Amino acid sequence: MKTDLTDTTAGAVERALVQGRRAIGTPAVGMVLTLVIVTDEENAYDAVKAAEDASREHPSRTLVVIRRQARGTHDRPRPRLDAEVRLGAEAGTGETVVLRMYGDVAQHAESVVLPLLLPDAPVVVWWPVDAPDNPSKDPLGALAQRRITDLYAVENPMETLSKRVNAYAPGDTDLAWTRLTLWRSTLAAALDKARMRVTSATVEAEAGNPAAELLARWLEVRLHVSVERAVSDGPAVTAVRLDSAAGEIVVDRPEGPVATLVLPDQPPRTLALKVRSTAELIAEELRRLDADEMYAVALRGEGTEETPVHV
């Protein structure tokens, strides 16, 4: 079911949601959180599709904030809110509201979003592109328990990574870090099996890959060794090499979904290490709504007593 509202208000959008749920017989009590997606028109389709796929695991109300520029009389922006309310088959297993904001309304998006949040439910804000330098200080970000950015979507990932170090607040995370979950669990399992002291390490990846830098920083803190950053043809992270007196531990994934694990004095073995879709990454992030302490450790390249080092 889809309802289009033109030149509307947040109150009218809420009434459309209630009427739509009654029409299709779907209560709102099954939804576990509100996901706010702040994006542009160009990237909205892919972001909404990923959120709807993730909603199969996490039924949620998804609010899509798209700031638009409309011209009125005397070439001045005219404040306006247009909305699409999608329920049922149109919105995965939750509800989706696409909010197109014009003029002054776009400058105060939080005033539109706030009345539409699910009561007594966590709020997650995701910027697929163009995230603020300080997500927790952003008016929309301030509404959320978790704030998701993506270093892959910025023009200069390494420069932005440096800004995120200074701006970090509990609740911040980034999909560049989420992409490393399989790598981190594979390396932790390999180290548990090998039971040897690592003396140095190398992370191989395409040039300027932010996930590779986060992985290198995490290894430096985790293993208390220096980690070399080596450039490969990609895509993304292609190999991690851990040196020890007993030999080398290698996880090598030059391309495709399969990697090779090499442990000292053992035959090579293959394991699944695929590049996951955005929907899978978002679904993982929505599984936990507490602070991601390991992201903070990797971001800063240092551990603290308050942030114990684990996978």
C-alpha atoms as a PDB file:
ATOM      1  CA  MET A   1       0.000   0.000   0.000  1.00  0.00           C
ATOM      2  CA  LYS A   2       1.371   3.418  -0.974  1.00  0.00           C
ATOM      3  CA  THR A   3       0.013   6.868  -0.120  1.00  0.00           C
ATOM      4  CA  ASP A   4       1.390  10.096  -1.637  1.00  0.00           C
ATOM      5  CA  LEU A   5       1.080  13.331   0.331  1.00  0.00           C
ATOM      6  CA  THR A   6       1.972  16.708  -1.211  1.00  0.00           C
ATOM      7  CA  ASP A   7       2.680  19.905   0.733  1.00  0.00           C
ATOM      8  CA  THR A   8       1.901  18.077   3.947  1.00  0.00           C
ATOM      9  CA  THR A   9       2.845  17.983   7.636  1.00  0.00           C
ATOM     10  CA  ALA A  10       4.327  15.446  10.031  1.00  0.00           C
ATOM     11  CA  GLY A  11       0.908  15.104  11.664  1.00  0.00           C
ATOM     12  CA  ALA A  12      -0.715  14.211   8.349  1.00  0.00           C
ATOM     13  CA  VAL A  13       2.025  11.639   7.696  1.00  0.00           C
ATOM     14  CA  GLU A  14       1.386  10.014  11.090  1.00  0.00           C
ATOM     15  CA  ARG A  15      -2.357   9.862  10.367  1.00  0.00           C
ATOM     16  CA  ALA A  16      -1.624   8.245   6.986  1.00  0.00           C
ATOM     17  CA  LEU A  17       0.482   5.605   8.753  1.00  0.00           C
ATOM     18  CA  VAL A  18      -2.314   4.820  11.214  1.00  0.00           C
ATOM     19  CA  GLN A  19      -4.941   4.650   8.461  1.00  0.00           C
ATOM     20  CA  GLY A  20      -2.708   2.483   6.310  1.00  0.00           C
ATOM     21  CA  ARG A  21      -2.068   0.004   9.127  1.00  0.00           C
ATOM     22  CA  ARG A  22      -5.800  -0.256   9.756  1.00  0.00           C
ATOM     23  CA  ALA A  23      -6.494  -0.780   6.060  1.00  0.00           C
ATOM     24  CA  ILE A  24      -4.089  -3.708   5.752  1.00  0.00           C
ATOM     25  CA  GLY A  25      -4.555  -5.015   9.297  1.00  0.00           C
ATOM     26  CA  THR A  26      -0.927  -4.630  10.363  1.00  0.00           C
ATOM     27  CA  PRO A  27      -0.128  -3.341  13.884  1.00  0.00           C
ATOM     28  CA  ALA A  28       2.990  -1.293  14.647  1.00  0.00           C
ATOM     29  CA  VAL A  29       3.865  -3.207  17.810  1.00  0.00           C
ATOM     30  CA  GLY A  30       6.070  -5.706  15.936  1.00  0.00           C
ATOM     31  CA  MET A  31       8.573  -3.051  14.869  1.00  0.00           C
ATOM     32  CA  VAL A  32      11.736  -2.915  16.958  1.00  0.00           C
ATOM     33  CA  LEU A  33      13.341   0.406  15.999  1.00  0.00           C
ATOM     34  CA  THR A  34      13.230   3.513  13.827  1.00  0.00           C
ATOM     35  CA  LEU A  35      15.835   3.708  11.068  1.00  0.00           C
ATOM     36  CA  VAL A  36      16.407   7.223   9.727  1.00  0.00           C
ATOM     37  CA  ILE A  37      18.190   7.319   6.349  1.00  0.00           C
ATOM     38  CA  VAL A  38      19.603  10.720   5.386  1.00  0.00           C
ATOM     39  CA  THR A  39      20.454  10.696   1.701  1.00  0.00           C
ATOM     40  CA  ASP A  40      19.986  12.390  -1.650  1.00  0.00           C
ATOM     41  CA  GLU A  41      17.660  11.523  -4.516  1.00  0.00           C
ATOM     42  CA  GLU A  42      20.390   9.748  -6.468  1.00  0.00           C
ATOM     43  CA  ASN A  43      21.215   7.260  -3.708  1.00  0.00           C
ATOM     44  CA  ALA A  44      17.783   6.942  -2.134  1.00  0.00           C
ATOM     45  CA  TYR A  45      16.622   3.892  -4.112  1.00  0.00           C
ATOM     46  CA  ASP A  46      19.620   1.721  -3.205  1.00  0.00           C
ATOM     47  CA  ALA A  47      19.522   2.797   0.439  1.00  0.00           C
ATOM     48  CA  VAL A  48      15.800   2.081   0.786  1.00  0.00           C
ATOM     49  CA  LYS A  49      16.203  -1.293  -0.925  1.00  0.00           C
ATOM     50  CA  ALA A  50      18.996  -2.246   1.495  1.00  0.00           C
ATOM     51  CA  ALA A  51      16.881  -1.120   4.478  1.00  0.00           C
ATOM     52  CA  GLU A  52      13.857  -3.085   3.284  1.00  0.00           C
ATOM     53  CA  ASP A  53      15.986  -6.210   2.870  1.00  0.00           C
ATOM     54  CA  ALA A  54      17.416  -5.706   6.361  1.00  0.00           C
ATOM     55  CA  SER A  55      13.885  -5.246   7.749  1.00  0.00           C
ATOM     56  CA  ARG A  56      13.235  -8.954   7.204  1.00  0.00           C
ATOM     57  CA  GLU A  57      15.517  -9.487  10.201  1.00  0.00           C
ATOM     58  CA  HIS A  58      14.722  -6.203  11.976  1.00  0.00           C
ATOM     59  CA  PRO A  59      11.146  -4.976  11.325  1.00  0.00           C
ATOM     60  CA  SER A  60      11.376  -1.214  11.608  1.00  0.00           C
ATOM     61  CA  ARG A  61       9.918   2.126  10.664  1.00  0.00           C
ATOM     62  CA  THR A  62      12.232   3.604   8.051  1.00  0.00           C
ATOM     63  CA  LEU A  63      12.196   7.366   7.606  1.00  0.00           C
ATOM     64  CA  VAL A  64      14.040   8.527   4.491  1.00  0.00           C
ATOM     65  CA  VAL A  65      15.102  12.179   4.630  1.00  0.00           C
ATOM     66  CA  ILE A  66      15.791  13.732   1.216  1.00  0.00           C
ATOM     67  CA  ARG A  67      16.584  17.427   1.144  1.00  0.00           C
ATOM     68  CA  ARG A  68      15.473  19.049  -2.098  1.00  0.00           C
ATOM     69  CA  GLN A  69      15.756  22.523  -3.572  1.00  0.00           C
ATOM     70  CA  ALA A  70      12.529  23.937  -4.967  1.00  0.00           C
ATOM     71  CA  ARG A  71      12.185  27.419  -6.385  1.00  0.00           C
ATOM     72  CA  GLY A  72       9.204  29.619  -5.650  1.00  0.00           C
ATOM     73  CA  THR A  73       8.438  33.257  -6.306  1.00  0.00           C
ATOM     74  CA  HIS A  74      11.341  35.702  -6.522  1.00  0.00           C
ATOM     75  CA  ASP A  75      13.737  32.763  -6.804  1.00  0.00           C
ATOM     76  CA  ARG A  76      13.475  31.963  -3.094  1.00  0.00           C
ATOM     77  CA  PRO A  77      13.095  28.415  -1.764  1.00  0.00           C
ATOM     78  CA  ARG A  78       9.543  27.691  -0.714  1.00  0.00           C
ATOM     79  CA  PRO A  79       9.177  25.550   2.443  1.00  0.00           C
ATOM     80  CA  ARG A  80       7.353  22.324   1.678  1.00  0.00           C
ATOM     81  CA  LEU A  81       7.158  18.693   2.760  1.00  0.00           C
ATOM     82  CA  ASP A  82       6.136  15.910   0.382  1.00  0.00           C
ATOM     83  CA  ALA A  83       5.856  12.326   1.609  1.00  0.00           C
ATOM     84  CA  GLU A  84       5.391   8.779   0.365  1.00  0.00           C
ATOM     85  CA  VAL A  85       3.955   6.396   2.943  1.00  0.00           C
ATOM     86  CA  ARG A  86       4.612   2.739   2.107  1.00  0.00           C
ATOM     87  CA  LEU A  87       3.245  -0.228   4.023  1.00  0.00           C
ATOM     88  CA  GLY A  88       2.834  -3.941   3.452  1.00  0.00           C
ATOM     89  CA  ALA A  89       4.454  -5.329   0.307  1.00  0.00           C
ATOM     90  CA  GLU A  90       5.689  -1.834  -0.586  1.00  0.00           C
ATOM     91  CA  ALA A  91       7.911  -1.656   2.524  1.00  0.00           C
ATOM     92  CA  GLY A  92       9.385  -5.062   3.298  1.00  0.00           C
ATOM     93  CA  THR A  93       8.266  -6.185   6.750  1.00  0.00           C
ATOM     94  CA  GLY A  94       8.034  -2.715   8.288  1.00  0.00           C
ATOM     95  CA  GLU A  95       6.982   0.782   7.266  1.00  0.00           C
ATOM     96  CA  THR A  96       8.768   3.199   4.977  1.00  0.00           C
ATOM     97  CA  VAL A  97       8.160   6.939   4.790  1.00  0.00           C
ATOM     98  CA  VAL A  98      10.055   8.934   2.171  1.00  0.00           C
ATOM     99  CA  LEU A  99      10.212  12.587   3.237  1.00  0.00           C
ATOM    100  CA  ARG A 100      11.197  15.131   0.575  1.00  0.00           C
ATOM    101  CA  MET A 101      11.936  18.447   2.227  1.00  0.00           C
ATOM    102  CA  TYR A 102      12.224  21.834   0.554  1.00  0.00           C
ATOM    103  CA  GLY A 103      13.345  25.277   1.706  1.00  0.00           C
ATOM    104  CA  ASP A 104      13.460  25.977   5.435  1.00  0.00           C
ATOM    105  CA  VAL A 105      11.896  22.582   6.176  1.00  0.00           C
ATOM    106  CA  ALA A 106      15.071  20.913   4.878  1.00  0.00           C
ATOM    107  CA  GLN A 107      17.152  22.970   7.295  1.00  0.00           C
ATOM    108  CA  HIS A 108      15.171  21.654  10.270  1.00  0.00           C
ATOM    109  CA  ALA A 109      14.610  18.031   9.291  1.00  0.00           C
ATOM    110  CA  GLU A 110      14.682  16.928  12.929  1.00  0.00           C
ATOM    111  CA  SER A 111      11.421  18.799  13.605  1.00  0.00           C
ATOM    112  CA  VAL A 112       9.709  16.626  10.973  1.00  0.00           C
ATOM    113  CA  VAL A 113      11.368  13.372  11.993  1.00  0.00           C
ATOM    114  CA  LEU A 114      10.871  13.670  15.761  1.00  0.00           C
ATOM    115  CA  PRO A 115       7.048  13.240  15.780  1.00  0.00           C
ATOM    116  CA  LEU A 116       7.380  10.197  13.490  1.00  0.00           C
ATOM    117  CA  LEU A 117       9.749   8.171  15.680  1.00  0.00           C
ATOM    118  CA  LEU A 118       8.323   4.985  17.149  1.00  0.00           C
ATOM    119  CA  PRO A 119       7.619   5.571  20.843  1.00  0.00           C
ATOM    120  CA  ASP A 120       9.972   3.829  23.299  1.00  0.00           C
ATOM    121  CA  ALA A 121      12.034   2.290  20.489  1.00  0.00           C
ATOM    122  CA  PRO A 122      15.719   2.796  19.639  1.00  0.00           C
ATOM    123  CA  VAL A 123      16.660   5.180  16.842  1.00  0.00           C
ATOM    124  CA  VAL A 124      19.407   4.526  14.304  1.00  0.00           C
ATOM    125  CA  VAL A 125      20.533   7.174  11.800  1.00  0.00           C
ATOM    126  CA  TRP A 126      22.344   6.084   8.634  1.00  0.00           C
ATOM    127  CA  TRP A 127      24.056   8.393   6.160  1.00  0.00           C
ATOM    128  CA  PRO A 128      24.779   6.345   2.976  1.00  0.00           C
ATOM    129  CA  VAL A 129      26.572   9.413   1.549  1.00  0.00           C
ATOM    130  CA  ASP A 130      27.542  12.908   2.702  1.00  0.00           C
ATOM    131  CA  ALA A 131      27.670  12.238   6.426  1.00  0.00           C
ATOM    132  CA  PRO A 132      28.400  15.195   8.738  1.00  0.00           C
ATOM    133  CA  ASP A 133      31.917  15.580  10.096  1.00  0.00           C
ATOM    134  CA  ASN A 134      30.563  15.139  13.620  1.00  0.00           C
ATOM    135  CA  PRO A 135      27.560  12.763  13.449  1.00  0.00           C
ATOM    136  CA  SER A 136      26.666  12.952  17.151  1.00  0.00           C
ATOM    137  CA  LYS A 137      26.390  16.760  16.978  1.00  0.00           C
ATOM    138  CA  ASP A 138      24.166  16.696  13.912  1.00  0.00           C
ATOM    139  CA  PRO A 139      20.520  17.510  14.809  1.00  0.00           C
ATOM    140  CA  LEU A 140      19.325  14.195  13.379  1.00  0.00           C
ATOM    141  CA  GLY A 141      22.275  12.264  14.775  1.00  0.00           C
ATOM    142  CA  ALA A 142      21.517  13.623  18.239  1.00  0.00           C
ATOM    143  CA  LEU A 143      18.192  11.756  18.170  1.00  0.00           C
ATOM    144  CA  ALA A 144      19.885   8.366  17.740  1.00  0.00           C
ATOM    145  CA  GLN A 145      21.459   5.668  19.881  1.00  0.00           C
ATOM    146  CA  ARG A 146      23.483   4.486  16.881  1.00  0.00           C
ATOM    147  CA  ARG A 147      24.884   6.546  13.988  1.00  0.00           C
ATOM    148  CA  ILE A 148      26.134   4.767  10.853  1.00  0.00           C
ATOM    149  CA  THR A 149      28.409   6.373   8.265  1.00  0.00           C
ATOM    150  CA  ASP A 150      30.342   4.927   5.318  1.00  0.00           C
ATOM    151  CA  LEU A 151      33.915   5.940   4.520  1.00  0.00           C
ATOM    152  CA  TYR A 152      33.595   4.225   1.138  1.00  0.00           C
ATOM    153  CA  ALA A 153      31.138   6.919   0.059  1.00  0.00           C
ATOM    154  CA  VAL A 154      33.414   9.937   0.605  1.00  0.00           C
ATOM    155  CA  GLU A 155      35.847  11.495  -1.855  1.00  0.00           C
ATOM    156  CA  ASN A 156      38.862  11.357   0.481  1.00  0.00           C
ATOM    157  CA  PRO A 157      38.382   8.445   2.912  1.00  0.00           C
ATOM    158  CA  MET A 158      41.683   8.818   4.762  1.00  0.00           C
ATOM    159  CA  GLU A 159      41.168  12.520   5.425  1.00  0.00           C
ATOM    160  CA  THR A 160      37.635  11.851   6.634  1.00  0.00           C
ATOM    161  CA  LEU A 161      38.920   9.017   8.820  1.00  0.00           C
ATOM    162  CA  SER A 162      41.188  11.488  10.605  1.00  0.00           C
ATOM    163  CA  LYS A 163      38.211  13.780  11.278  1.00  0.00           C
ATOM    164  CA  ARG A 164      36.192  10.881  12.678  1.00  0.00           C
ATOM    165  CA  VAL A 165      38.900  10.168  15.248  1.00  0.00           C
ATOM    166  CA  ASN A 166      38.392  13.584  16.855  1.00  0.00           C
ATOM    167  CA  ALA A 167      34.604  13.538  16.452  1.00  0.00           C
ATOM    168  CA  TYR A 168      33.959  10.024  17.766  1.00  0.00           C
ATOM    169  CA  ALA A 169      31.187   9.588  20.325  1.00  0.00           C
ATOM    170  CA  PRO A 170      29.772   6.329  21.762  1.00  0.00           C
ATOM    171  CA  GLY A 171      27.184   5.077  19.278  1.00  0.00           C
ATOM    172  CA  ASP A 172      29.170   6.007  16.167  1.00  0.00           C
ATOM    173  CA  THR A 173      30.171   3.297  13.709  1.00  0.00           C
ATOM    174  CA  ASP A 174      31.043   2.984  10.034  1.00  0.00           C
ATOM    175  CA  LEU A 175      30.276   0.393   7.352  1.00  0.00           C
ATOM    176  CA  ALA A 176      33.987   0.287   6.468  1.00  0.00           C
ATOM    177  CA  TRP A 177      34.434  -1.296   9.908  1.00  0.00           C
ATOM    178  CA  THR A 178      31.416  -3.592   9.488  1.00  0.00           C
ATOM    179  CA  ARG A 179      32.937  -4.938   6.264  1.00  0.00           C
ATOM    180  CA  LEU A 180      35.801  -6.307   8.383  1.00  0.00           C
ATOM    181  CA  THR A 181      33.728  -8.567  10.649  1.00  0.00           C
ATOM    182  CA  LEU A 182      34.512 -11.747   8.703  1.00  0.00           C
ATOM    183  CA  TRP A 183      38.201 -10.813   8.458  1.00  0.00           C
ATOM    184  CA  ARG A 184      38.442 -10.146  12.198  1.00  0.00           C
ATOM    185  CA  SER A 185      36.670 -13.360  13.196  1.00  0.00           C
ATOM    186  CA  THR A 186      38.836 -15.377  10.768  1.00  0.00           C
ATOM    187  CA  LEU A 187      42.064 -13.876  12.100  1.00  0.00           C
ATOM    188  CA  ALA A 188      41.003 -14.318  15.731  1.00  0.00           C
ATOM    189  CA  ALA A 189      40.152 -17.976  15.101  1.00  0.00           C
ATOM    190  CA  ALA A 190      43.476 -18.532  13.313  1.00  0.00           C
ATOM    191  CA  LEU A 191      45.415 -17.032  16.220  1.00  0.00           C
ATOM    192  CA  ASP A 192      43.497 -19.127  18.731  1.00  0.00           C
ATOM    193  CA  LYS A 193      44.357 -22.239  16.747  1.00  0.00           C
ATOM    194  CA  ALA A 194      48.015 -21.395  16.099  1.00  0.00           C
ATOM    195  CA  ARG A 195      48.790 -20.237  19.660  1.00  0.00           C
ATOM    196  CA  MET A 196      51.909 -18.281  18.727  1.00  0.00           C
ATOM    197  CA  ARG A 197      53.249 -14.812  19.380  1.00  0.00           C
ATOM    198  CA  VAL A 198      53.022 -12.512  16.364  1.00  0.00           C
ATOM    199  CA  THR A 199      56.082 -10.323  15.829  1.00  0.00           C
ATOM    200  CA  SER A 200      54.928  -8.232  12.849  1.00  0.00           C
ATOM    201  CA  ALA A 201      52.049  -8.030  10.407  1.00  0.00           C
ATOM    202  CA  THR A 202      51.099  -6.801   6.942  1.00  0.00           C
ATOM    203  CA  VAL A 203      47.704  -5.770   5.559  1.00  0.00           C
ATOM    204  CA  GLU A 204      47.419  -5.811   1.761  1.00  0.00           C
ATOM    205  CA  ALA A 205      44.676  -3.809   0.052  1.00  0.00           C
ATOM    206  CA  GLU A 206      43.939  -1.424  -2.772  1.00  0.00           C
ATOM    207  CA  ALA A 207      45.356   2.050  -2.273  1.00  0.00           C
ATOM    208  CA  GLY A 208      43.428   4.364   0.042  1.00  0.00           C
ATOM    209  CA  ASN A 209      41.101   1.650   1.358  1.00  0.00           C
ATOM    210  CA  PRO A 210      39.634   2.823   4.694  1.00  0.00           C
ATOM    211  CA  ALA A 211      38.729  -0.681   5.872  1.00  0.00           C
ATOM    212  CA  ALA A 212      42.356  -1.762   5.452  1.00  0.00           C
ATOM    213  CA  GLU A 213      43.517   1.143   7.618  1.00  0.00           C
ATOM    214  CA  LEU A 214      41.012   0.275  10.338  1.00  0.00           C
ATOM    215  CA  LEU A 215      42.068  -3.374  10.189  1.00  0.00           C
ATOM    216  CA  ALA A 216      45.742  -2.412  10.497  1.00  0.00           C
ATOM    217  CA  ARG A 217      45.016  -0.205  13.506  1.00  0.00           C
ATOM    218  CA  TRP A 218      42.970  -2.965  15.145  1.00  0.00           C
ATOM    219  CA  LEU A 219      45.805  -5.466  14.662  1.00  0.00           C
ATOM    220  CA  GLU A 220      48.327  -3.030  16.122  1.00  0.00           C
ATOM    221  CA  VAL A 221      46.252  -2.698  19.282  1.00  0.00           C
ATOM    222  CA  ARG A 222      45.248  -6.363  19.405  1.00  0.00           C
ATOM    223  CA  LEU A 223      48.737  -7.803  18.868  1.00  0.00           C
ATOM    224  CA  HIS A 224      50.974  -4.950  20.103  1.00  0.00           C
ATOM    225  CA  VAL A 225      53.039  -5.047  16.891  1.00  0.00           C
ATOM    226  CA  SER A 226      53.736  -2.697  14.003  1.00  0.00           C
ATOM    227  CA  VAL A 227      51.589  -3.358  10.925  1.00  0.00           C
ATOM    228  CA  GLU A 228      52.776  -2.594   7.420  1.00  0.00           C
ATOM    229  CA  ARG A 229      50.260  -1.267   4.892  1.00  0.00           C
ATOM    230  CA  ALA A 230      50.975  -2.829   1.466  1.00  0.00           C
ATOM    231  CA  VAL A 231      49.211  -1.869  -1.774  1.00  0.00           C
ATOM    232  CA  SER A 232      47.631  -4.597  -3.893  1.00  0.00           C
ATOM    233  CA  ASP A 233      45.361  -4.613  -6.947  1.00  0.00           C
ATOM    234  CA  GLY A 234      42.305  -5.115  -4.747  1.00  0.00           C
ATOM    235  CA  PRO A 235      39.405  -5.291  -4.557  1.00  0.00           C
ATOM    236  CA  ALA A 236      39.266  -4.051  -0.957  1.00  0.00           C
ATOM    237  CA  VAL A 237      41.416  -6.006   1.518  1.00  0.00           C
ATOM    238  CA  THR A 238      43.153  -8.887  -0.242  1.00  0.00           C
ATOM    239  CA  ALA A 239      45.484 -10.421   2.363  1.00  0.00           C
ATOM    240  CA  VAL A 240      46.727 -10.295   5.947  1.00  0.00           C
ATOM    241  CA  ARG A 241      50.104 -11.788   6.885  1.00  0.00           C
ATOM    242  CA  LEU A 242      51.127 -12.370  10.496  1.00  0.00           C
ATOM    243  CA  ASP A 243      54.790 -13.225  11.141  1.00  0.00           C
ATOM    244  CA  SER A 244      56.021 -15.309  14.068  1.00  0.00           C
ATOM    245  CA  ALA A 245      59.077 -17.329  15.034  1.00  0.00           C
ATOM    246  CA  ALA A 246      57.193 -20.518  14.091  1.00  0.00           C
ATOM    247  CA  GLY A 247      56.193 -19.308  10.638  1.00  0.00           C
ATOM    248  CA  GLU A 248      53.647 -17.135   8.860  1.00  0.00           C
ATOM    249  CA  ILE A 249      49.871 -17.040   9.247  1.00  0.00           C
ATOM    250  CA  VAL A 250      48.252 -15.893   6.003  1.00  0.00           C
ATOM    251  CA  VAL A 251      44.669 -15.132   5.040  1.00  0.00           C
ATOM    252  CA  ASP A 252      44.668 -14.478   1.301  1.00  0.00           C
ATOM    253  CA  ARG A 253      41.626 -13.409  -0.725  1.00  0.00           C
ATOM    254  CA  PRO A 254      42.823 -12.001  -4.051  1.00  0.00           C
ATOM    255  CA  GLU A 255      39.297 -11.985  -5.525  1.00  0.00           C
ATOM    256  CA  GLY A 256      35.936 -13.671  -5.241  1.00  0.00           C
ATOM    257  CA  PRO A 257      34.173 -15.039  -2.129  1.00  0.00           C
ATOM    258  CA  VAL A 258      36.787 -17.669  -1.189  1.00  0.00           C
ATOM    259  CA  ALA A 259      39.980 -17.132   0.819  1.00  0.00           C
ATOM    260  CA  THR A 260      42.949 -19.362   1.618  1.00  0.00           C
ATOM    261  CA  LEU A 261      44.132 -19.780   5.203  1.00  0.00           C
ATOM    262  CA  VAL A 262      47.716 -20.897   5.771  1.00  0.00           C
ATOM    263  CA  LEU A 263      48.978 -21.876   9.233  1.00  0.00           C
ATOM    264  CA  PRO A 264      52.528 -23.029  10.073  1.00  0.00           C
ATOM    265  CA  ASP A 265      53.052 -26.769   9.576  1.00  0.00           C
ATOM    266  CA  GLN A 266      49.493 -27.256   8.303  1.00  0.00           C
ATOM    267  CA  PRO A 267      48.102 -27.694   4.785  1.00  0.00           C
ATOM    268  CA  PRO A 268      46.309 -24.682   3.272  1.00  0.00           C
ATOM    269  CA  ARG A 269      42.560 -24.633   3.666  1.00  0.00           C
ATOM    270  CA  THR A 270      39.818 -22.679   1.934  1.00  0.00           C
ATOM    271  CA  LEU A 271      37.133 -20.689   3.690  1.00  0.00           C
ATOM    272  CA  ALA A 272      34.271 -18.380   2.781  1.00  0.00           C
ATOM    273  CA  LEU A 273      35.161 -14.694   2.987  1.00  0.00           C
ATOM    274  CA  LYS A 274      32.760 -12.928   0.680  1.00  0.00           C
ATOM    275  CA  VAL A 275      32.203  -9.234   0.070  1.00  0.00           C
ATOM    276  CA  ARG A 276      28.834  -8.663   1.705  1.00  0.00           C
ATOM    277  CA  SER A 277      25.973  -6.532   0.390  1.00  0.00           C
ATOM    278  CA  THR A 278      24.925  -3.256   1.987  1.00  0.00           C
ATOM    279  CA  ALA A 279      21.736  -4.918   3.234  1.00  0.00           C
ATOM    280  CA  GLU A 280      23.800  -7.536   5.089  1.00  0.00           C
ATOM    281  CA  LEU A 281      26.005  -4.837   6.606  1.00  0.00           C
ATOM    282  CA  ILE A 282      23.021  -2.799   7.803  1.00  0.00           C
ATOM    283  CA  ALA A 283      21.354  -5.923   9.210  1.00  0.00           C
ATOM    284  CA  GLU A 284      24.502  -6.647  11.218  1.00  0.00           C
ATOM    285  CA  GLU A 285      24.641  -3.103  12.587  1.00  0.00           C
ATOM    286  CA  LEU A 286      20.997  -3.264  13.669  1.00  0.00           C
ATOM    287  CA  ARG A 287      21.663  -6.406  15.731  1.00  0.00           C
ATOM    288  CA  ARG A 288      23.479  -4.385  18.367  1.00  0.00           C
ATOM    289  CA  LEU A 289      22.518  -0.948  19.586  1.00  0.00           C
ATOM    290  CA  ASP A 290      25.135  -0.471  22.290  1.00  0.00           C
ATOM    291  CA  ALA A 291      28.388   1.400  21.702  1.00  0.00           C
ATOM    292  CA  ASP A 292      30.806  -0.347  19.331  1.00  0.00           C
ATOM    293  CA  GLU A 293      33.899  -0.267  21.529  1.00  0.00           C
ATOM    294  CA  MET A 294      36.120  -2.087  19.053  1.00  0.00           C
ATOM    295  CA  TYR A 295      35.339   0.469  16.355  1.00  0.00           C
ATOM    296  CA  ALA A 296      36.499   3.173  18.772  1.00  0.00           C
ATOM    297  CA  VAL A 297      39.706   1.233  19.441  1.00  0.00           C
ATOM    298  CA  ALA A 298      40.416   0.744  15.715  1.00  0.00           C
ATOM    299  CA  LEU A 299      39.522   4.337  14.896  1.00  0.00           C
ATOM    300  CA  ARG A 300      41.897   5.768  17.471  1.00  0.00           C
ATOM    301  CA  GLY A 301      44.541   3.068  17.114  1.00  0.00           C
ATOM    302  CA  GLU A 302      44.730   2.668  20.865  1.00  0.00           C
ATOM    303  CA  GLY A 303      43.007   0.754  23.630  1.00  0.00           C
ATOM    304  CA  THR A 304      41.870   1.968  27.036  1.00  0.00           C
ATOM    305  CA  GLU A 305      40.745   0.366  30.246  1.00  0.00           C
ATOM    306  CA  GLU A 306      37.209   1.330  29.327  1.00  0.00           C
ATOM    307  CA  THR A 307      37.480  -0.319  25.916  1.00  0.00           C
ATOM    308  CA  PRO A 308      38.903  -3.846  26.378  1.00  0.00           C
ATOM    309  CA  VAL A 309      40.501  -5.376  23.319  1.00  0.00           C
ATOM    310  CA  HIS A 310      38.520  -8.211  21.799  1.00  0.00           C
ATOM    311  CA  VAL A 311      37.117  -9.118  18.405  1.00  0.00           C
END
